[in-house]
């Protein structure tokens, strides 16, 4: 009987995780959360957190059940939710209180919430109300889904993705450091989709100066990330796309704190502890994920430091003969997967923990 229940818990939690993933790119700094309500082996309500500031997954699932005239069934139902129901008032009321109000019979939780505002209080509130609570169902799948959220609270830094495109012979730019279109159209479109899924995108001074990137998601529908550029001596021309005020931009420098339209200049110490200062400031700004797109020196600095989580490498079939070499992968990086995007090869790696 216990094995049968465990199998059913896994089945419905997997569905809740599928629903949670629908919020990718729309809910940060909140986590992605999905919820499924089951009565006698039948799903009577589903929901997910769709947009930051909107109703949480549990509310949407309960409302779905109410729209199906299933309100009388809630006291005999099991709620499957991918993250511990919140117990505090934020932009919306506590979800734990809602489940208690509806007198649900059982709640199955994938992950405990690492946010100190919750951190077990939601589960305890449910148990104090006499609701049976099961935790840790598909816990690793849940942590992977919300890796950005867990990294932010547990490591006090954003989830860091390093991304670059390189030629067939291993170069990231030509010898004159001029703009070079390495990846194909399909790969560039995918890169813009990735931008919509992360809070912020980072480039260094040389990349900003040589490539004049826009760092937006113009090839994919979705939100634009916060643009971040490192400009220690403030030598970047204000005519660059980065300073066009089309989206929120942060310029880290050694001289000034200033607001100029949508651009924030942040003074920071560029000593040997720079990344510590950098991550501390991003954490203060609630930036949970960071896509690092270059250049080579900046990417290598992150690789050498070791505070990164993923690497995505787009490799073109075309060589250029000579140029700026692509970054070198350090020990402790594990190859995870590959796929073909148009004529390009895409490799996914992760840092071993």
C-alpha atoms as a PDB file:
ATOM      1  CA  UNK A   1       0.000   0.000   0.000  1.00  0.00           C
ATOM      2  CA  UNK A   2       2.828   2.388   0.914  1.00  0.00           C
ATOM      3  CA  UNK A   3       4.635   1.667  -2.363  1.00  0.00           C
ATOM      4  CA  UNK A   4       1.435   2.283  -4.303  1.00  0.00           C
ATOM      5  CA  UNK A   5       0.898   5.616  -2.540  1.00  0.00           C
ATOM      6  CA  UNK A   6       4.493   6.607  -3.210  1.00  0.00           C
ATOM      7  CA  UNK A   7       4.069   5.877  -6.922  1.00  0.00           C
ATOM      8  CA  UNK A   8       0.939   8.003  -7.065  1.00  0.00           C
ATOM      9  CA  UNK A   9       2.666  10.807  -5.172  1.00  0.00           C
ATOM     10  CA  UNK A  10       5.485  10.761  -7.727  1.00  0.00           C
ATOM     11  CA  UNK A  11       3.007  10.750 -10.615  1.00  0.00           C
ATOM     12  CA  UNK A  12       1.042  13.761  -9.454  1.00  0.00           C
ATOM     13  CA  UNK A  13       4.136  15.658  -8.276  1.00  0.00           C
ATOM     14  CA  UNK A  14       5.691  15.199 -11.698  1.00  0.00           C
ATOM     15  CA  UNK A  15       2.587  16.833 -13.175  1.00  0.00           C
ATOM     16  CA  UNK A  16       2.906  19.681 -10.673  1.00  0.00           C
ATOM     17  CA  UNK A  17       6.531  20.182 -11.745  1.00  0.00           C
ATOM     18  CA  UNK A  18       5.439  20.323 -15.399  1.00  0.00           C
ATOM     19  CA  UNK A  19       2.964  23.049 -14.507  1.00  0.00           C
ATOM     20  CA  UNK A  20       5.547  24.953 -12.468  1.00  0.00           C
ATOM     21  CA  UNK A  21       7.910  25.111 -15.456  1.00  0.00           C
ATOM     22  CA  UNK A  22       5.287  27.102 -17.380  1.00  0.00           C
ATOM     23  CA  UNK A  23       6.227  30.098 -15.240  1.00  0.00           C
ATOM     24  CA  UNK A  24       9.849  30.134 -16.415  1.00  0.00           C
ATOM     25  CA  UNK A  25      11.002  33.656 -17.197  1.00  0.00           C
ATOM     26  CA  UNK A  26       7.883  35.293 -15.720  1.00  0.00           C
ATOM     27  CA  UNK A  27       7.951  34.850 -11.934  1.00  0.00           C
ATOM     28  CA  UNK A  28      11.416  35.861 -10.688  1.00  0.00           C
ATOM     29  CA  UNK A  29      12.332  36.691  -7.962  1.00  0.00           C
ATOM     30  CA  UNK A  30       9.658  34.220  -6.910  1.00  0.00           C
ATOM     31  CA  UNK A  31      10.225  30.511  -7.568  1.00  0.00           C
ATOM     32  CA  UNK A  32       8.373  28.498 -10.190  1.00  0.00           C
ATOM     33  CA  UNK A  33       5.578  26.605  -8.426  1.00  0.00           C
ATOM     34  CA  UNK A  34       2.932  24.183  -9.659  1.00  0.00           C
ATOM     35  CA  UNK A  35      -0.024  22.667  -7.832  1.00  0.00           C
ATOM     36  CA  UNK A  36      -2.343  19.720  -8.505  1.00  0.00           C
ATOM     37  CA  UNK A  37      -5.455  18.814  -6.495  1.00  0.00           C
ATOM     38  CA  UNK A  38      -6.471  15.125  -6.528  1.00  0.00           C
ATOM     39  CA  UNK A  39      -9.635  13.480  -5.242  1.00  0.00           C
ATOM     40  CA  UNK A  40     -10.008   9.684  -5.376  1.00  0.00           C
ATOM     41  CA  UNK A  41      -7.459   9.359  -8.176  1.00  0.00           C
ATOM     42  CA  UNK A  42      -8.930  12.168 -10.286  1.00  0.00           C
ATOM     43  CA  UNK A  43      -7.408  15.621 -10.824  1.00  0.00           C
ATOM     44  CA  UNK A  44     -10.011  18.215  -9.864  1.00  0.00           C
ATOM     45  CA  UNK A  45      -7.823  21.325 -10.003  1.00  0.00           C
ATOM     46  CA  UNK A  46      -4.519  22.535 -11.414  1.00  0.00           C
ATOM     47  CA  UNK A  47      -2.571  25.782 -11.313  1.00  0.00           C
ATOM     48  CA  UNK A  48       0.832  27.396 -11.397  1.00  0.00           C
ATOM     49  CA  UNK A  49       2.390  30.721 -10.464  1.00  0.00           C
ATOM     50  CA  UNK A  50       2.076  32.537 -13.764  1.00  0.00           C
ATOM     51  CA  UNK A  51       3.532  35.972 -13.157  1.00  0.00           C
ATOM     52  CA  UNK A  52       5.372  37.790 -10.386  1.00  0.00           C
ATOM     53  CA  UNK A  53       2.866  39.630  -8.222  1.00  0.00           C
ATOM     54  CA  UNK A  54      -0.064  37.465  -9.342  1.00  0.00           C
ATOM     55  CA  UNK A  55      -1.744  34.648  -7.463  1.00  0.00           C
ATOM     56  CA  UNK A  56       0.351  31.720  -6.332  1.00  0.00           C
ATOM     57  CA  UNK A  57      -0.045  28.177  -7.657  1.00  0.00           C
ATOM     58  CA  UNK A  58      -2.232  26.971  -4.784  1.00  0.00           C
ATOM     59  CA  UNK A  59      -4.723  29.797  -5.270  1.00  0.00           C
ATOM     60  CA  UNK A  60      -4.947  29.138  -9.005  1.00  0.00           C
ATOM     61  CA  UNK A  61      -5.426  25.399  -8.433  1.00  0.00           C
ATOM     62  CA  UNK A  62      -8.157  25.954  -5.842  1.00  0.00           C
ATOM     63  CA  UNK A  63      -9.892  28.437  -8.148  1.00  0.00           C
ATOM     64  CA  UNK A  64      -9.688  25.860 -10.937  1.00  0.00           C
ATOM     65  CA  UNK A  65     -11.338  23.310  -8.647  1.00  0.00           C
ATOM     66  CA  UNK A  66     -14.056  25.804  -7.742  1.00  0.00           C
ATOM     67  CA  UNK A  67     -14.709  26.479 -11.437  1.00  0.00           C
ATOM     68  CA  UNK A  68     -15.309  22.729 -11.843  1.00  0.00           C
ATOM     69  CA  UNK A  69     -17.849  22.802  -8.965  1.00  0.00           C
ATOM     70  CA  UNK A  70     -15.490  20.635  -6.909  1.00  0.00           C
ATOM     71  CA  UNK A  71     -15.555  22.709  -3.705  1.00  0.00           C
ATOM     72  CA  UNK A  72     -17.291  19.944  -1.677  1.00  0.00           C
ATOM     73  CA  UNK A  73     -14.467  17.563  -2.585  1.00  0.00           C
ATOM     74  CA  UNK A  74     -11.609  19.685  -1.230  1.00  0.00           C
ATOM     75  CA  UNK A  75     -11.812  18.381   2.396  1.00  0.00           C
ATOM     76  CA  UNK A  76     -11.184  14.858   1.072  1.00  0.00           C
ATOM     77  CA  UNK A  77      -8.514  15.847  -1.448  1.00  0.00           C
ATOM     78  CA  UNK A  78      -4.729  15.772  -1.607  1.00  0.00           C
ATOM     79  CA  UNK A  79      -2.829  18.868  -2.681  1.00  0.00           C
ATOM     80  CA  UNK A  80       0.450  18.340  -4.541  1.00  0.00           C
ATOM     81  CA  UNK A  81       2.622  21.457  -4.550  1.00  0.00           C
ATOM     82  CA  UNK A  82       6.220  21.796  -5.707  1.00  0.00           C
ATOM     83  CA  UNK A  83       7.283  24.211  -2.950  1.00  0.00           C
ATOM     84  CA  UNK A  84       6.250  24.594   0.655  1.00  0.00           C
ATOM     85  CA  UNK A  85       3.116  26.777   0.855  1.00  0.00           C
ATOM     86  CA  UNK A  86       4.003  30.285   2.015  1.00  0.00           C
ATOM     87  CA  UNK A  87       3.090  31.320   5.543  1.00  0.00           C
ATOM     88  CA  UNK A  88       3.576  35.083   5.332  1.00  0.00           C
ATOM     89  CA  UNK A  89       1.851  38.059   3.738  1.00  0.00           C
ATOM     90  CA  UNK A  90       3.719  39.275   0.659  1.00  0.00           C
ATOM     91  CA  UNK A  91       2.087  40.551  -2.498  1.00  0.00           C
ATOM     92  CA  UNK A  92      -0.612  37.922  -1.817  1.00  0.00           C
ATOM     93  CA  UNK A  93      -1.984  36.304   1.380  1.00  0.00           C
ATOM     94  CA  UNK A  94      -0.408  33.098   2.807  1.00  0.00           C
ATOM     95  CA  UNK A  95      -1.215  29.985   0.782  1.00  0.00           C
ATOM     96  CA  UNK A  96      -0.979  27.833   3.903  1.00  0.00           C
ATOM     97  CA  UNK A  97      -3.948  29.753   5.326  1.00  0.00           C
ATOM     98  CA  UNK A  98      -5.962  29.075   2.174  1.00  0.00           C
ATOM     99  CA  UNK A  99      -5.392  25.315   2.392  1.00  0.00           C
ATOM    100  CA  UNK A 100      -6.353  25.365   6.062  1.00  0.00           C
ATOM    101  CA  UNK A 101      -9.493  27.358   5.242  1.00  0.00           C
ATOM    102  CA  UNK A 102     -10.474  24.763   2.604  1.00  0.00           C
ATOM    103  CA  UNK A 103      -9.810  21.987   5.164  1.00  0.00           C
ATOM    104  CA  UNK A 104      -7.838  19.874   2.718  1.00  0.00           C
ATOM    105  CA  UNK A 105      -7.008  16.392   3.936  1.00  0.00           C
ATOM    106  CA  UNK A 106      -3.391  16.024   2.861  1.00  0.00           C
ATOM    107  CA  UNK A 107      -0.610  18.157   1.374  1.00  0.00           C
ATOM    108  CA  UNK A 108       2.368  16.658  -0.477  1.00  0.00           C
ATOM    109  CA  UNK A 109       5.378  18.951  -0.899  1.00  0.00           C
ATOM    110  CA  UNK A 110       8.356  18.587  -3.203  1.00  0.00           C
ATOM    111  CA  UNK A 111      10.780  21.094  -1.633  1.00  0.00           C
ATOM    112  CA  UNK A 112      10.961  23.025   1.605  1.00  0.00           C
ATOM    113  CA  UNK A 113      11.243  26.773   1.011  1.00  0.00           C
ATOM    114  CA  UNK A 114      14.775  28.140   1.694  1.00  0.00           C
ATOM    115  CA  UNK A 115      13.436  31.677   2.099  1.00  0.00           C
ATOM    116  CA  UNK A 116      13.835  32.578   5.810  1.00  0.00           C
ATOM    117  CA  UNK A 117      10.373  34.154   5.706  1.00  0.00           C
ATOM    118  CA  UNK A 118       8.952  30.636   5.204  1.00  0.00           C
ATOM    119  CA  UNK A 119      11.638  27.973   5.931  1.00  0.00           C
ATOM    120  CA  UNK A 120       9.386  25.306   7.453  1.00  0.00           C
ATOM    121  CA  UNK A 121       6.796  27.659   8.910  1.00  0.00           C
ATOM    122  CA  UNK A 122       4.253  26.853   6.176  1.00  0.00           C
ATOM    123  CA  UNK A 123       4.562  23.107   6.730  1.00  0.00           C
ATOM    124  CA  UNK A 124       4.342  23.529  10.495  1.00  0.00           C
ATOM    125  CA  UNK A 125       1.248  25.711  10.174  1.00  0.00           C
ATOM    126  CA  UNK A 126      -0.470  23.012   8.095  1.00  0.00           C
ATOM    127  CA  UNK A 127       0.433  20.282  10.588  1.00  0.00           C
ATOM    128  CA  UNK A 128      -0.712  22.395  13.527  1.00  0.00           C
ATOM    129  CA  UNK A 129      -4.087  22.643  11.760  1.00  0.00           C
ATOM    130  CA  UNK A 130      -4.325  18.846  11.626  1.00  0.00           C
ATOM    131  CA  UNK A 131      -3.450  18.463   7.935  1.00  0.00           C
ATOM    132  CA  UNK A 132      -1.284  15.480   7.001  1.00  0.00           C
ATOM    133  CA  UNK A 133       1.892  16.696   5.273  1.00  0.00           C
ATOM    134  CA  UNK A 134       4.361  14.617   3.255  1.00  0.00           C
ATOM    135  CA  UNK A 135       7.603  16.263   2.149  1.00  0.00           C
ATOM    136  CA  UNK A 136      10.561  15.477  -0.113  1.00  0.00           C
ATOM    137  CA  UNK A 137       8.675  13.920  -3.057  1.00  0.00           C
ATOM    138  CA  UNK A 138      10.857  14.260  -6.198  1.00  0.00           C
ATOM    139  CA  UNK A 139      13.066  16.590  -4.209  1.00  0.00           C
ATOM    140  CA  UNK A 140      16.008  16.593  -6.648  1.00  0.00           C
ATOM    141  CA  UNK A 141      13.771  17.341  -9.639  1.00  0.00           C
ATOM    142  CA  UNK A 142      12.326  20.268  -7.720  1.00  0.00           C
ATOM    143  CA  UNK A 143      15.733  21.620  -6.797  1.00  0.00           C
ATOM    144  CA  UNK A 144      16.845  21.408 -10.411  1.00  0.00           C
ATOM    145  CA  UNK A 145      13.751  23.270 -11.607  1.00  0.00           C
ATOM    146  CA  UNK A 146      14.297  26.079  -9.108  1.00  0.00           C
ATOM    147  CA  UNK A 147      18.105  25.988  -9.077  1.00  0.00           C
ATOM    148  CA  UNK A 148      18.220  29.786  -9.387  1.00  0.00           C
ATOM    149  CA  UNK A 149      15.978  30.272  -6.347  1.00  0.00           C
ATOM    150  CA  UNK A 150      17.896  27.793  -4.193  1.00  0.00           C
ATOM    151  CA  UNK A 151      21.298  29.151  -5.246  1.00  0.00           C
ATOM    152  CA  UNK A 152      20.208  32.686  -4.371  1.00  0.00           C
ATOM    153  CA  UNK A 153      19.191  31.774  -0.813  1.00  0.00           C
ATOM    154  CA  UNK A 154      21.721  29.052  -0.054  1.00  0.00           C
ATOM    155  CA  UNK A 155      24.854  30.537  -1.696  1.00  0.00           C
ATOM    156  CA  UNK A 156      23.919  34.226  -1.474  1.00  0.00           C
ATOM    157  CA  UNK A 157      24.667  34.784  -5.156  1.00  0.00           C
ATOM    158  CA  UNK A 158      22.889  34.453  -8.490  1.00  0.00           C
ATOM    159  CA  UNK A 159      22.847  31.238 -10.475  1.00  0.00           C
ATOM    160  CA  UNK A 160      25.607  31.827 -13.037  1.00  0.00           C
ATOM    161  CA  UNK A 161      25.503  30.593 -16.639  1.00  0.00           C
ATOM    162  CA  UNK A 162      28.589  31.111 -18.804  1.00  0.00           C
ATOM    163  CA  UNK A 163      27.844  31.200 -22.515  1.00  0.00           C
ATOM    164  CA  UNK A 164      29.981  31.721 -25.591  1.00  0.00           C
ATOM    165  CA  UNK A 165      30.161  30.897 -29.273  1.00  0.00           C
ATOM    166  CA  UNK A 166      33.386  29.630 -30.775  1.00  0.00           C
ATOM    167  CA  UNK A 167      34.656  28.710 -34.223  1.00  0.00           C
ATOM    168  CA  UNK A 168      35.498  25.192 -35.324  1.00  0.00           C
ATOM    169  CA  UNK A 169      39.158  25.858 -34.497  1.00  0.00           C
ATOM    170  CA  UNK A 170      38.438  27.279 -31.040  1.00  0.00           C
ATOM    171  CA  UNK A 171      38.376  31.062 -31.429  1.00  0.00           C
ATOM    172  CA  UNK A 172      35.866  33.424 -29.818  1.00  0.00           C
ATOM    173  CA  UNK A 173      36.811  36.515 -31.873  1.00  0.00           C
ATOM    174  CA  UNK A 174      39.096  37.427 -34.765  1.00  0.00           C
ATOM    175  CA  UNK A 175      42.633  38.715 -34.202  1.00  0.00           C
ATOM    176  CA  UNK A 176      41.508  42.360 -34.481  1.00  0.00           C
ATOM    177  CA  UNK A 177      38.764  41.820 -31.868  1.00  0.00           C
ATOM    178  CA  UNK A 178      36.196  43.088 -34.342  1.00  0.00           C
ATOM    179  CA  UNK A 179      32.525  41.918 -34.205  1.00  0.00           C
ATOM    180  CA  UNK A 180      32.356  38.416 -35.622  1.00  0.00           C
ATOM    181  CA  UNK A 181      29.157  36.501 -36.358  1.00  0.00           C
ATOM    182  CA  UNK A 182      30.073  32.965 -35.315  1.00  0.00           C
ATOM    183  CA  UNK A 183      26.768  31.217 -34.610  1.00  0.00           C
ATOM    184  CA  UNK A 184      23.948  30.615 -37.088  1.00  0.00           C
ATOM    185  CA  UNK A 185      20.542  32.312 -37.025  1.00  0.00           C
ATOM    186  CA  UNK A 186      18.902  29.437 -35.133  1.00  0.00           C
ATOM    187  CA  UNK A 187      21.565  29.558 -32.422  1.00  0.00           C
ATOM    188  CA  UNK A 188      21.208  33.320 -32.053  1.00  0.00           C
ATOM    189  CA  UNK A 189      17.451  32.945 -31.675  1.00  0.00           C
ATOM    190  CA  UNK A 190      17.965  30.321 -28.965  1.00  0.00           C
ATOM    191  CA  UNK A 191      20.397  32.649 -27.201  1.00  0.00           C
ATOM    192  CA  UNK A 192      17.730  35.345 -27.131  1.00  0.00           C
ATOM    193  CA  UNK A 193      15.256  32.860 -25.679  1.00  0.00           C
ATOM    194  CA  UNK A 194      17.785  32.141 -22.925  1.00  0.00           C
ATOM    195  CA  UNK A 195      17.981  35.866 -22.196  1.00  0.00           C
ATOM    196  CA  UNK A 196      14.239  35.963 -21.444  1.00  0.00           C
ATOM    197  CA  UNK A 197      14.739  33.242 -18.822  1.00  0.00           C
ATOM    198  CA  UNK A 198      17.377  35.013 -16.739  1.00  0.00           C
ATOM    199  CA  UNK A 199      17.324  38.075 -14.511  1.00  0.00           C
ATOM    200  CA  UNK A 200      20.484  39.701 -15.835  1.00  0.00           C
ATOM    201  CA  UNK A 201      23.130  39.498 -18.569  1.00  0.00           C
ATOM    202  CA  UNK A 202      26.780  40.541 -18.162  1.00  0.00           C
ATOM    203  CA  UNK A 203      29.571  41.652 -20.495  1.00  0.00           C
ATOM    204  CA  UNK A 204      32.957  43.201 -19.905  1.00  0.00           C
ATOM    205  CA  UNK A 205      34.387  46.496 -21.083  1.00  0.00           C
ATOM    206  CA  UNK A 206      36.097  45.165 -24.210  1.00  0.00           C
ATOM    207  CA  UNK A 207      33.014  43.314 -25.428  1.00  0.00           C
ATOM    208  CA  UNK A 208      30.890  46.424 -24.907  1.00  0.00           C
ATOM    209  CA  UNK A 209      33.414  48.570 -26.748  1.00  0.00           C
ATOM    210  CA  UNK A 210      34.211  46.222 -29.646  1.00  0.00           C
ATOM    211  CA  UNK A 211      30.797  44.625 -30.251  1.00  0.00           C
ATOM    212  CA  UNK A 212      28.415  47.391 -29.095  1.00  0.00           C
ATOM    213  CA  UNK A 213      25.832  44.741 -28.099  1.00  0.00           C
ATOM    214  CA  UNK A 214      22.191  45.518 -27.334  1.00  0.00           C
ATOM    215  CA  UNK A 215      21.836  42.570 -24.912  1.00  0.00           C
ATOM    216  CA  UNK A 216      18.085  42.378 -25.386  1.00  0.00           C
ATOM    217  CA  UNK A 217      15.728  39.597 -26.491  1.00  0.00           C
ATOM    218  CA  UNK A 218      14.648  41.066 -29.817  1.00  0.00           C
ATOM    219  CA  UNK A 219      14.610  37.636 -31.523  1.00  0.00           C
ATOM    220  CA  UNK A 220      12.297  36.055 -28.923  1.00  0.00           C
ATOM    221  CA  UNK A 221       9.134  37.193 -27.173  1.00  0.00           C
ATOM    222  CA  UNK A 222       9.719  37.735 -23.485  1.00  0.00           C
ATOM    223  CA  UNK A 223      11.202  40.104 -20.936  1.00  0.00           C
ATOM    224  CA  UNK A 224      14.579  41.736 -21.440  1.00  0.00           C
ATOM    225  CA  UNK A 225      17.165  40.952 -18.764  1.00  0.00           C
ATOM    226  CA  UNK A 226      18.881  43.642 -16.732  1.00  0.00           C
ATOM    227  CA  UNK A 227      21.999  44.596 -18.687  1.00  0.00           C
ATOM    228  CA  UNK A 228      25.211  44.656 -16.646  1.00  0.00           C
ATOM    229  CA  UNK A 229      28.547  45.960 -17.873  1.00  0.00           C
ATOM    230  CA  UNK A 230      31.902  46.285 -16.115  1.00  0.00           C
ATOM    231  CA  UNK A 231      33.571  49.611 -16.902  1.00  0.00           C
ATOM    232  CA  UNK A 232      36.182  50.209 -14.242  1.00  0.00           C
ATOM    233  CA  UNK A 233      37.521  53.518 -15.552  1.00  0.00           C
ATOM    234  CA  UNK A 234      34.282  54.747 -17.192  1.00  0.00           C
ATOM    235  CA  UNK A 235      35.833  54.772 -20.645  1.00  0.00           C
ATOM    236  CA  UNK A 236      32.816  53.399 -22.516  1.00  0.00           C
ATOM    237  CA  UNK A 237      31.149  55.993 -24.805  1.00  0.00           C
ATOM    238  CA  UNK A 238      27.620  56.937 -23.790  1.00  0.00           C
ATOM    239  CA  UNK A 239      26.571  56.453 -27.438  1.00  0.00           C
ATOM    240  CA  UNK A 240      26.766  52.660 -27.046  1.00  0.00           C
ATOM    241  CA  UNK A 241      23.536  50.654 -27.146  1.00  0.00           C
ATOM    242  CA  UNK A 242      24.067  49.752 -23.483  1.00  0.00           C
ATOM    243  CA  UNK A 243      23.335  53.340 -22.462  1.00  0.00           C
ATOM    244  CA  UNK A 244      20.302  53.956 -24.677  1.00  0.00           C
ATOM    245  CA  UNK A 245      17.868  53.672 -21.714  1.00  0.00           C
ATOM    246  CA  UNK A 246      15.810  51.064 -23.578  1.00  0.00           C
ATOM    247  CA  UNK A 247      16.060  48.706 -20.612  1.00  0.00           C
ATOM    248  CA  UNK A 248      17.416  48.653 -17.093  1.00  0.00           C
ATOM    249  CA  UNK A 249      21.216  48.683 -17.084  1.00  0.00           C
ATOM    250  CA  UNK A 250      23.831  48.560 -14.316  1.00  0.00           C
ATOM    251  CA  UNK A 251      27.369  49.835 -14.939  1.00  0.00           C
ATOM    252  CA  UNK A 252      29.872  48.765 -12.283  1.00  0.00           C
ATOM    253  CA  UNK A 253      32.805  51.172 -12.031  1.00  0.00           C
ATOM    254  CA  UNK A 254      35.465  52.395  -9.612  1.00  0.00           C
ATOM    255  CA  UNK A 255      34.385  56.039  -9.362  1.00  0.00           C
ATOM    256  CA  UNK A 256      30.712  56.935  -9.047  1.00  0.00           C
ATOM    257  CA  UNK A 257      27.240  56.060  -7.840  1.00  0.00           C
ATOM    258  CA  UNK A 258      24.744  57.719 -10.133  1.00  0.00           C
ATOM    259  CA  UNK A 259      21.301  57.297 -11.678  1.00  0.00           C
ATOM    260  CA  UNK A 260      20.967  58.321 -15.319  1.00  0.00           C
ATOM    261  CA  UNK A 261      17.625  57.350 -16.819  1.00  0.00           C
ATOM    262  CA  UNK A 262      17.366  53.563 -16.882  1.00  0.00           C
ATOM    263  CA  UNK A 263      21.092  53.245 -16.175  1.00  0.00           C
ATOM    264  CA  UNK A 264      22.509  52.861 -12.674  1.00  0.00           C
ATOM    265  CA  UNK A 265      26.215  53.491 -12.153  1.00  0.00           C
ATOM    266  CA  UNK A 266      27.470  51.543  -9.149  1.00  0.00           C
ATOM    267  CA  UNK A 267      30.822  52.183  -7.537  1.00  0.00           C
ATOM    268  CA  UNK A 268      32.558  48.967  -6.560  1.00  0.00           C
ATOM    269  CA  UNK A 269      36.009  47.923  -5.421  1.00  0.00           C
ATOM    270  CA  UNK A 270      37.909  46.250  -8.271  1.00  0.00           C
ATOM    271  CA  UNK A 271      40.466  44.566  -5.988  1.00  0.00           C
ATOM    272  CA  UNK A 272      41.215  40.847  -5.737  1.00  0.00           C
ATOM    273  CA  UNK A 273      37.885  40.411  -3.922  1.00  0.00           C
ATOM    274  CA  UNK A 274      35.933  41.953  -6.806  1.00  0.00           C
ATOM    275  CA  UNK A 275      33.653  38.978  -7.392  1.00  0.00           C
ATOM    276  CA  UNK A 276      32.756  38.926  -3.694  1.00  0.00           C
ATOM    277  CA  UNK A 277      31.699  42.582  -3.873  1.00  0.00           C
ATOM    278  CA  UNK A 278      29.932  41.977  -7.195  1.00  0.00           C
ATOM    279  CA  UNK A 279      27.896  39.003  -5.969  1.00  0.00           C
ATOM    280  CA  UNK A 280      27.029  40.799  -2.735  1.00  0.00           C
ATOM    281  CA  UNK A 281      25.588  43.740  -4.663  1.00  0.00           C
ATOM    282  CA  UNK A 282      23.633  41.487  -7.053  1.00  0.00           C
ATOM    283  CA  UNK A 283      22.223  39.597  -4.071  1.00  0.00           C
ATOM    284  CA  UNK A 284      21.169  42.901  -2.501  1.00  0.00           C
ATOM    285  CA  UNK A 285      19.372  43.752  -5.768  1.00  0.00           C
ATOM    286  CA  UNK A 286      17.592  40.353  -5.708  1.00  0.00           C
ATOM    287  CA  UNK A 287      19.110  39.256  -9.008  1.00  0.00           C
ATOM    288  CA  UNK A 288      18.800  35.482  -8.904  1.00  0.00           C
ATOM    289  CA  UNK A 289      20.379  34.503 -12.220  1.00  0.00           C
ATOM    290  CA  UNK A 290      23.162  35.871 -14.386  1.00  0.00           C
ATOM    291  CA  UNK A 291      24.000  35.026 -17.995  1.00  0.00           C
ATOM    292  CA  UNK A 292      27.643  35.890 -18.724  1.00  0.00           C
ATOM    293  CA  UNK A 293      28.231  36.457 -22.439  1.00  0.00           C
ATOM    294  CA  UNK A 294      31.830  37.636 -22.538  1.00  0.00           C
ATOM    295  CA  UNK A 295      34.380  38.435 -23.447  1.00  0.00           C
ATOM    296  CA  UNK A 296      37.063  35.827 -23.130  1.00  0.00           C
ATOM    297  CA  UNK A 297      38.883  37.395 -20.149  1.00  0.00           C
ATOM    298  CA  UNK A 298      35.692  37.864 -18.166  1.00  0.00           C
ATOM    299  CA  UNK A 299      34.501  34.320 -18.872  1.00  0.00           C
ATOM    300  CA  UNK A 300      37.899  32.930 -17.894  1.00  0.00           C
ATOM    301  CA  UNK A 301      37.813  34.917 -14.647  1.00  0.00           C
ATOM    302  CA  UNK A 302      34.543  33.224 -13.682  1.00  0.00           C
ATOM    303  CA  UNK A 303      35.908  29.826 -14.714  1.00  0.00           C
ATOM    304  CA  UNK A 304      39.050  30.329 -12.625  1.00  0.00           C
ATOM    305  CA  UNK A 305      37.054  31.576  -9.635  1.00  0.00           C
ATOM    306  CA  UNK A 306      34.747  28.560  -9.699  1.00  0.00           C
ATOM    307  CA  UNK A 307      31.533  30.380  -8.776  1.00  0.00           C
ATOM    308  CA  UNK A 308      29.457  29.354 -11.753  1.00  0.00           C
ATOM    309  CA  UNK A 309      26.832  26.692 -12.316  1.00  0.00           C
ATOM    310  CA  UNK A 310      26.415  26.026 -16.043  1.00  0.00           C
ATOM    311  CA  UNK A 311      28.359  26.458 -19.274  1.00  0.00           C
ATOM    312  CA  UNK A 312      26.746  26.577 -22.698  1.00  0.00           C
ATOM    313  CA  UNK A 313      29.049  26.477 -25.716  1.00  0.00           C
ATOM    314  CA  UNK A 314      27.865  27.047 -29.279  1.00  0.00           C
ATOM    315  CA  UNK A 315      30.382  25.682 -31.782  1.00  0.00           C
ATOM    316  CA  UNK A 316      30.297  26.731 -35.425  1.00  0.00           C
ATOM    317  CA  UNK A 317      31.460  24.355 -38.181  1.00  0.00           C
ATOM    318  CA  UNK A 318      33.488  27.215 -39.695  1.00  0.00           C
ATOM    319  CA  UNK A 319      37.162  27.917 -38.836  1.00  0.00           C
ATOM    320  CA  UNK A 320      38.854  31.338 -39.019  1.00  0.00           C
ATOM    321  CA  UNK A 321      42.514  30.350 -38.711  1.00  0.00           C
ATOM    322  CA  UNK A 322      43.577  32.721 -35.928  1.00  0.00           C
ATOM    323  CA  UNK A 323      42.064  35.045 -33.373  1.00  0.00           C
ATOM    324  CA  UNK A 324      41.206  35.265 -29.661  1.00  0.00           C
ATOM    325  CA  UNK A 325      41.125  31.792 -28.134  1.00  0.00           C
ATOM    326  CA  UNK A 326      37.984  30.611 -26.390  1.00  0.00           C
ATOM    327  CA  UNK A 327      38.089  30.102 -22.603  1.00  0.00           C
ATOM    328  CA  UNK A 328      39.682  26.975 -21.134  1.00  0.00           C
ATOM    329  CA  UNK A 329      37.448  24.702 -19.085  1.00  0.00           C
ATOM    330  CA  UNK A 330      38.866  24.069 -15.605  1.00  0.00           C
ATOM    331  CA  UNK A 331      38.834  20.718 -13.755  1.00  0.00           C
ATOM    332  CA  UNK A 332      35.519  19.836 -12.155  1.00  0.00           C
ATOM    333  CA  UNK A 333      33.352  20.642 -15.175  1.00  0.00           C
ATOM    334  CA  UNK A 334      31.074  17.833 -16.319  1.00  0.00           C
ATOM    335  CA  UNK A 335      29.652  17.417 -19.809  1.00  0.00           C
ATOM    336  CA  UNK A 336      25.868  17.000 -19.581  1.00  0.00           C
ATOM    337  CA  UNK A 337      24.264  17.023 -23.030  1.00  0.00           C
ATOM    338  CA  UNK A 338      24.564  18.113 -26.641  1.00  0.00           C
ATOM    339  CA  UNK A 339      22.316  18.992 -29.543  1.00  0.00           C
ATOM    340  CA  UNK A 340      22.502  20.372 -33.053  1.00  0.00           C
ATOM    341  CA  UNK A 341      21.027  23.832 -33.662  1.00  0.00           C
ATOM    342  CA  UNK A 342      20.953  24.581 -37.373  1.00  0.00           C
ATOM    343  CA  UNK A 343      24.520  23.978 -38.541  1.00  0.00           C
ATOM    344  CA  UNK A 344      25.947  24.589 -35.046  1.00  0.00           C
ATOM    345  CA  UNK A 345      26.764  22.189 -32.237  1.00  0.00           C
ATOM    346  CA  UNK A 346      25.616  23.083 -28.722  1.00  0.00           C
ATOM    347  CA  UNK A 347      27.216  21.597 -25.629  1.00  0.00           C
ATOM    348  CA  UNK A 348      25.870  21.828 -22.075  1.00  0.00           C
ATOM    349  CA  UNK A 349      28.187  21.523 -19.081  1.00  0.00           C
ATOM    350  CA  UNK A 350      27.781  21.947 -15.350  1.00  0.00           C
ATOM    351  CA  UNK A 351      30.119  22.471 -12.450  1.00  0.00           C
ATOM    352  CA  UNK A 352      30.464  19.432 -10.238  1.00  0.00           C
ATOM    353  CA  UNK A 353      29.430  20.125  -6.653  1.00  0.00           C
END
